[in-house]
Amino acid sequence: MASKNEDKMALGAKNIKFMIAGLLVMAAGFLLLSGGGSSDPDVFNYAMFDWRRLVAAPIVIVAGIVLEIVAIMGRFKEEE
């Protein structure tokens, strides 16, 4: 009674591509979030609270997380 043991990866090639894309999108979101600090602690910099950091960056990061969920949970037909 030999069981058929196939050497298959848990995730397919499309899933891995989606995972890499999700990581890149999240990295872009964190890059959008960075910056805006002031070298002088006595001076308040209003650039910390601009649209890019408060709205765009979190949306891009959440989009990357959604891509990661799709990459892990999605079942794609593999081209052979």
Protein backbone atom coordinates (compact mmCIF):
# COMPACT_ATOMS: atom_id res chain seq x y z
CA MET A 1 0.00 0.00 0.00
CA ALA A 2 2.18 2.76 -1.27
CA SER A 3 0.60 6.16 -1.08
CA LYS A 4 1.12 8.54 -3.92
CA ASN A 5 3.38 11.29 -2.61
CA GLU A 6 3.52 14.18 -5.01
CA ASP A 7 6.07 16.92 -4.60
CA LYS A 8 3.71 19.87 -4.79
CA MET A 9 4.18 23.23 -3.18
CA ALA A 10 1.43 24.50 -0.92
CA LEU A 11 1.13 27.66 -3.02
CA GLY A 12 1.29 27.88 -6.78
CA ALA A 13 3.30 30.25 -8.94
CA LYS A 14 0.45 32.76 -9.24
CA ASN A 15 0.00 32.78 -5.47
CA ILE A 16 3.67 33.53 -4.95
CA LYS A 17 3.52 36.33 -7.54
CA PHE A 18 0.54 37.82 -5.70
CA MET A 19 2.45 37.56 -2.40
CA ILE A 20 5.44 39.41 -3.84
CA ALA A 21 3.12 42.06 -5.31
CA GLY A 22 1.42 42.47 -1.94
CA LEU A 23 4.75 42.93 -0.20
CA LEU A 24 5.81 45.54 -2.75
CA VAL A 25 2.51 47.42 -2.37
CA MET A 26 2.86 47.40 1.43
CA ALA A 27 6.46 48.64 1.15
CA ALA A 28 5.25 51.47 -1.09
CA GLY A 29 2.64 52.35 1.53
CA PHE A 30 5.26 52.51 4.26
CA LEU A 31 7.43 54.70 2.04
CA LEU A 32 4.47 57.05 1.60
CA LEU A 33 4.08 57.08 5.38
CA SER A 34 7.69 58.03 6.10
CA GLY A 35 9.18 61.48 6.48
CA GLY A 36 7.77 64.73 7.74
CA GLY A 37 9.87 64.95 10.85
CA SER A 38 11.57 68.09 12.06
CA SER A 39 15.23 68.36 13.00
CA ASP A 40 14.38 71.00 15.61
CA PRO A 41 12.07 69.67 18.37
CA ASP A 42 10.84 73.20 19.15
CA VAL A 43 9.39 73.70 15.65
CA PHE A 44 6.12 71.98 14.76
CA ASN A 45 6.00 70.63 11.22
CA TYR A 46 2.49 70.47 9.72
CA ALA A 47 3.78 68.18 6.95
CA MET A 48 3.28 65.27 9.34
CA PHE A 49 -0.47 65.61 8.92
CA ASP A 50 -0.81 65.95 5.16
CA TRP A 51 -3.15 63.94 2.93
CA ARG A 52 -0.43 61.53 1.82
CA ARG A 53 0.33 60.31 5.34
CA LEU A 54 -3.20 60.31 6.76
CA VAL A 55 -5.18 58.94 3.81
CA ALA A 56 -3.11 57.59 0.92
CA ALA A 57 -0.51 55.59 2.85
CA PRO A 58 -2.99 53.61 5.02
CA ILE A 59 -5.13 52.82 1.96
CA VAL A 60 -2.08 51.52 0.07
CA ILE A 61 -0.97 49.43 3.07
CA VAL A 62 -4.45 47.89 3.47
CA ALA A 63 -4.50 47.14 -0.28
CA GLY A 64 -1.22 45.27 0.16
CA ILE A 65 -2.70 43.26 3.03
CA VAL A 66 -5.73 42.41 0.89
CA LEU A 67 -3.37 41.20 -1.85
CA GLU A 68 -1.63 39.00 0.70
CA ILE A 69 -4.96 37.49 1.78
CA VAL A 70 -5.89 36.83 -1.85
CA ALA A 71 -2.48 35.27 -2.44
CA ILE A 72 -2.83 32.90 0.50
CA MET A 73 -6.52 32.03 0.22
CA GLY A 74 -6.98 32.17 -3.56
CA ARG A 75 -7.03 29.09 -5.73
CA PHE A 76 -5.79 29.77 -9.22
CA LYS A 77 -5.65 27.33 -12.10
CA GLU A 78 -2.06 26.48 -12.83
CA GLU A 79 -0.89 26.51 -16.42
CA GLU A 80 0.96 23.34 -17.24
